[in-house]
Every structure is written in structure tokens, then in C-alpha cells.
Amino acid sequence: MHDARLNFVLQEFIAPEYIEAECSDYLLTENQDSGYTELTLHVKGENICIAQYDKKNRCGFWNRGQRKGLSKCVDHAILQRVGDSWILHMIEMKGRMDNRKWFDVRLKNRASYLDMRVLCAALGIRIKAVYAYTTYAENRFSTTEHRTNPRMMAAPLGKRYIDPVKEWTQGKMHVTVGLNEELVILHQAVQMKRQNGVLRGELAIPD
């Protein structure tokens, strides 16, 4: 249950359909061209769940140019209260993951983090830590992709080279969120199983 102050903001200022009814178990879904995904999510403690986040209205003032990636968004976002602050959990659902898709996932997480910071400011809550999760069925990462795509070998001038295989295996996502400001998001890959044409899996978020 939320405290009176947060309840007031949620009820008075936030569209009722924007946030799911609070519970400890959610069935998160995504319907893509590559198939249908179902993730059973277990989360402990007080939380705010925004399912189908990518299909909902978000901040309209960002530069939505294609190169910035700020038009992108993760599929689901969850805020979990821990003490006096909150943890942001962001979930992106994929059927297959590879080097190119990892860069797309990174952009989606950065854009969603920036959007969620604005929402948290409206809610009057503070983000303490950020975690990202990617559900997938097939791992198609390649350490030799740069041989056919030389552009993958070097970063643009003044920017740090990102190794998608290293980030995926080490569970750390580095994203730029300001001038000389980099956010390191801890990342967990969640492998799904295909059952009767549906990708199914489970994720438990501890308190």
C-alpha cells in the first residue's frame, strides 16, 4: 500500500489506466512479429507497475530524432520501494538477441530511464538504483561481427567503444545521460522457453 501523499498524486494526477493495480505478481506480455511472450513477474514490497509502457504516452519534449533513440521505450517498467527511496526495473522482451539488437536495447533503456525520472519527479519519489532485464529465446551474439561490419570496430570520435558481447555477458550496460555523465545499469538476461508457440518465463525481483 502507498502512503497518503503518493496515493493522492496517483489518484489525482495520473491517468487510471496508466498504472496497474498494485500486487506482488504480474503477467507481462508482448506480441511481436517474431511471436508472443509471457513473463510471470514476482516483486516483493510496495511497487508501481507500468505494463505495456512502450504503448503509453510519455514525455513530449525529448528530441525524438532517430540517432538519439529517445523515441524508443522498453516494454514494461516497475518501481519498487526500498526504505525511503525506489528502485527502477526496466524489462525489454525479445525473441532473439544479437549485437545489433543490443544497441537498440541500450537506447530503449536510456530513453525509458530519462522518462521515468520525470514521472518520479511528479510522484515525489527518488530513484536509488536502476536494473534492466531482457527476455530472449535465442542468443545470436557474435565476437566476429566486426569482420563484416567495420563500423562496429571503432566508436565515434570522443565516445567510448561499446562491446555488446562484453556488456551482455558481464551484465552491465553503460549509457550516456549527460555531459561526461554515464549511467551503469545492471542487466540480467532472462532466457525464455517456447511452449506451444509462446515464449514463457519467470522473473523474481527480491526486496
Protein backbone atom coordinates (compact mmCIF):
# COMPACT_ATOMS: atom_id res chain seq x y z
CA MET A 1 0.00 0.00 0.00
CA HIS A 2 1.19 3.50 -0.78
CA ASP A 3 1.28 6.33 1.75
CA ALA A 4 -1.31 9.09 1.67
CA ARG A 5 0.90 11.56 -0.23
CA LEU A 6 1.73 9.14 -3.05
CA ASN A 7 -1.85 7.89 -3.21
CA PHE A 8 -3.08 11.46 -3.65
CA VAL A 9 -0.73 12.08 -6.60
CA LEU A 10 -1.61 8.76 -8.25
CA GLN A 11 -5.34 9.29 -7.89
CA GLU A 12 -5.49 12.99 -8.72
CA PHE A 13 -2.84 13.45 -11.41
CA ILE A 14 -2.08 10.09 -13.07
CA ALA A 15 -4.46 8.51 -15.61
CA PRO A 16 -6.10 5.44 -14.03
CA GLU A 17 -5.17 3.13 -16.92
CA TYR A 18 -1.52 4.19 -16.85
CA ILE A 19 -0.54 2.11 -13.81
CA GLU A 20 -1.55 -1.45 -12.94
CA ALA A 21 -3.36 -2.27 -9.72
CA GLU A 22 -0.63 -2.98 -7.17
CA CYS A 23 0.09 -6.65 -6.44
CA SER A 24 3.05 -8.98 -5.95
CA ASP A 25 2.58 -10.99 -9.16
CA TYR A 26 2.13 -9.67 -12.69
CA LEU A 27 1.73 -11.38 -16.05
CA LEU A 28 3.63 -9.19 -18.50
CA THR A 29 3.13 -9.82 -22.20
CA GLU A 30 4.40 -8.66 -25.57
CA ASN A 31 3.08 -9.51 -29.00
CA GLN A 32 5.69 -9.11 -31.74
CA ASP A 33 6.12 -10.24 -35.31
CA SER A 34 8.52 -12.87 -34.01
CA GLY A 35 5.94 -14.27 -31.59
CA TYR A 36 4.12 -13.84 -28.30
CA THR A 37 5.90 -13.55 -24.94
CA GLU A 38 4.57 -14.09 -21.41
CA LEU A 39 6.68 -13.27 -18.36
CA THR A 40 5.43 -14.03 -14.86
CA LEU A 41 6.92 -11.36 -12.62
CA HIS A 42 7.16 -11.65 -8.84
CA VAL A 43 8.04 -8.47 -6.96
CA LYS A 44 8.25 -8.03 -3.20
CA GLY A 45 7.18 -4.99 -1.28
CA GLU A 46 5.48 -1.77 -2.34
CA ASN A 47 5.64 -1.23 -6.07
CA ILE A 48 4.27 0.66 -9.07
CA CYS A 49 3.94 -1.33 -12.30
CA ILE A 50 3.57 0.24 -15.73
CA ALA A 51 2.80 -2.62 -18.10
CA GLN A 52 2.97 -2.05 -21.87
CA TYR A 53 4.99 1.08 -21.18
CA ASP A 54 6.05 1.31 -24.82
CA LYS A 55 2.42 1.75 -25.87
CA LYS A 56 1.64 4.60 -23.47
CA ASN A 57 2.13 8.33 -23.73
CA ARG A 58 5.41 9.64 -22.40
CA CYS A 59 7.24 12.97 -22.24
CA GLY A 60 6.71 15.05 -25.37
CA PHE A 61 9.70 17.38 -25.09
CA TRP A 62 12.56 14.98 -25.93
CA ASN A 63 14.48 15.19 -29.20
CA ARG A 64 12.89 12.23 -30.99
CA GLY A 65 15.41 12.20 -33.84
CA GLN A 66 16.35 8.70 -34.93
CA ARG A 67 20.01 9.00 -33.94
CA LYS A 68 19.17 9.98 -30.37
CA GLY A 69 16.96 6.96 -29.78
CA LEU A 70 14.69 8.88 -27.41
CA SER A 71 11.58 7.78 -29.28
CA LYS A 72 12.28 4.23 -28.12
CA CYS A 73 10.99 2.65 -24.93
CA VAL A 74 11.16 -0.62 -23.00
CA ASP A 75 8.10 -2.85 -22.84
CA HIS A 76 7.50 -2.64 -19.08
CA ALA A 77 8.69 -0.57 -16.11
CA ILE A 78 8.39 -1.25 -12.38
CA LEU A 79 9.22 0.97 -9.44
CA GLN A 80 9.93 -0.86 -6.19
CA ARG A 81 10.15 0.89 -2.85
CA VAL A 82 13.14 0.13 -0.64
CA GLY A 83 13.21 2.23 2.52
CA ASP A 84 12.84 5.90 1.68
CA SER A 85 13.82 5.50 -1.99
CA TRP A 86 12.85 3.42 -5.03
CA ILE A 87 14.48 1.02 -7.46
CA LEU A 88 13.64 1.23 -11.14
CA HIS A 89 13.32 -2.07 -13.02
CA MET A 90 13.00 -1.97 -16.81
CA ILE A 91 12.05 -5.01 -18.90
CA GLU A 92 12.52 -5.41 -22.65
CA MET A 93 11.19 -8.50 -24.44
CA LYS A 94 12.94 -10.03 -27.45
CA GLY A 95 12.77 -13.31 -29.31
CA ARG A 96 16.37 -13.27 -30.46
CA MET A 97 19.32 -11.21 -29.22
CA ASP A 98 22.41 -10.26 -31.21
CA ASN A 99 24.96 -7.46 -31.43
CA ARG A 100 22.73 -5.05 -33.35
CA LYS A 101 19.69 -5.62 -31.14
CA TRP A 102 21.79 -4.95 -28.05
CA PHE A 103 22.44 -1.37 -29.20
CA ASP A 104 18.68 -0.97 -29.72
CA VAL A 105 18.01 -2.34 -26.21
CA ARG A 106 20.53 0.11 -24.75
CA LEU A 107 18.79 3.07 -26.41
CA LYS A 108 15.40 1.88 -25.17
CA ASN A 109 16.66 1.62 -21.60
CA ARG A 110 18.27 5.05 -21.68
CA ALA A 111 15.14 6.71 -23.07
CA SER A 112 12.94 4.93 -20.55
CA TYR A 113 15.23 5.88 -17.66
CA LEU A 114 15.01 9.56 -18.65
CA ASP A 115 11.22 9.33 -18.97
CA MET A 116 10.87 7.56 -15.64
CA ARG A 117 12.95 10.22 -13.88
CA VAL A 118 10.36 12.79 -14.97
CA LEU A 119 7.49 10.58 -13.74
CA CYS A 120 9.26 10.04 -10.42
CA ALA A 121 9.68 13.80 -10.01
CA ALA A 122 5.91 14.17 -10.47
CA LEU A 123 5.30 11.39 -7.95
CA GLY A 124 7.75 12.93 -5.49
CA ILE A 125 9.90 9.81 -5.25
CA ARG A 126 13.66 9.27 -5.71
CA ILE A 127 15.32 6.55 -7.79
CA LYS A 128 18.06 4.83 -5.81
CA ALA A 129 19.19 2.23 -8.32
CA VAL A 130 18.37 1.06 -11.85
CA TYR A 131 18.17 -2.51 -13.19
CA ALA A 132 17.43 -3.73 -16.69
CA TYR A 133 16.18 -7.13 -17.85
CA THR A 134 15.98 -8.56 -21.35
CA THR A 135 13.93 -11.66 -22.06
CA TYR A 136 15.06 -13.73 -25.03
CA ALA A 137 14.94 -17.22 -26.52
CA GLU A 138 17.96 -17.25 -28.83
CA ASN A 139 21.45 -15.88 -28.21
CA ARG A 140 22.99 -14.85 -31.54
CA PHE A 141 25.78 -12.62 -30.23
CA SER A 142 28.99 -12.80 -32.24
CA THR A 143 32.54 -11.77 -31.37
CA THR A 144 33.46 -11.73 -35.07
CA GLU A 145 30.68 -9.50 -36.41
CA HIS A 146 33.12 -6.63 -36.92
CA ARG A 147 34.77 -8.58 -39.74
CA THR A 148 31.76 -7.97 -41.96
CA ASN A 149 30.82 -4.65 -40.38
CA PRO A 150 33.94 -2.48 -39.87
CA ARG A 151 31.87 0.28 -38.26
CA MET A 152 31.49 -1.96 -35.22
CA MET A 153 35.26 -1.83 -34.61
CA ALA A 154 35.53 1.82 -33.56
CA ALA A 155 33.47 4.33 -31.61
CA PRO A 156 32.66 7.81 -32.95
CA LEU A 157 35.26 10.45 -32.10
CA GLY A 158 35.09 11.40 -28.44
CA LYS A 159 32.91 8.44 -27.45
CA ARG A 160 33.82 5.21 -25.71
CA TYR A 161 33.64 1.97 -27.69
CA ILE A 162 30.84 -0.32 -26.56
CA ASP A 163 31.42 -4.07 -26.80
CA PRO A 164 27.92 -5.64 -26.95
CA VAL A 165 29.18 -9.15 -26.14
CA LYS A 166 31.09 -7.91 -23.09
CA GLU A 167 28.15 -5.89 -21.79
CA TRP A 168 25.75 -8.80 -22.29
CA THR A 169 27.99 -11.37 -20.57
CA GLN A 170 29.13 -9.10 -17.74
CA GLY A 171 25.64 -7.81 -17.02
CA LYS A 172 26.47 -4.10 -17.17
CA MET A 173 25.00 -1.56 -19.58
CA HIS A 174 26.81 1.79 -19.99
CA VAL A 175 24.61 4.66 -21.23
CA THR A 176 25.26 8.39 -21.54
CA VAL A 177 22.75 10.51 -19.63
CA GLY A 178 24.52 13.88 -19.54
CA LEU A 179 27.73 15.78 -20.23
CA ASN A 180 30.54 13.50 -19.03
CA GLU A 181 27.83 11.58 -17.14
CA GLU A 182 27.47 7.86 -17.68
CA LEU A 183 24.93 5.60 -16.01
CA VAL A 184 25.89 1.97 -15.42
CA ILE A 185 22.74 -0.15 -15.39
CA LEU A 186 22.99 -3.65 -14.00
CA HIS A 187 21.49 -6.03 -16.55
CA GLN A 188 20.03 -9.52 -16.28
CA ALA A 189 19.32 -11.73 -19.27
CA VAL A 190 16.22 -13.87 -18.79
CA GLN A 191 16.07 -16.84 -21.12
CA MET A 192 12.57 -17.94 -22.08
CA LYS A 193 11.26 -21.31 -23.21
CA ARG A 194 9.00 -21.77 -26.20
CA GLN A 195 5.83 -23.65 -25.28
CA ASN A 196 3.09 -24.15 -27.86
CA GLY A 197 4.42 -21.23 -29.87
CA VAL A 198 4.61 -18.87 -26.87
CA LEU A 199 7.79 -17.72 -25.15
CA ARG A 200 7.26 -18.18 -21.42
CA GLY A 201 9.45 -17.43 -18.44
CA GLU A 202 9.58 -16.22 -14.86
CA LEU A 203 11.43 -13.46 -13.03
CA ALA A 204 11.57 -12.83 -9.29
CA ILE A 205 12.64 -9.40 -8.03
CA PRO A 206 13.71 -9.55 -4.37
CA ASP A 207 13.12 -6.74 -1.90
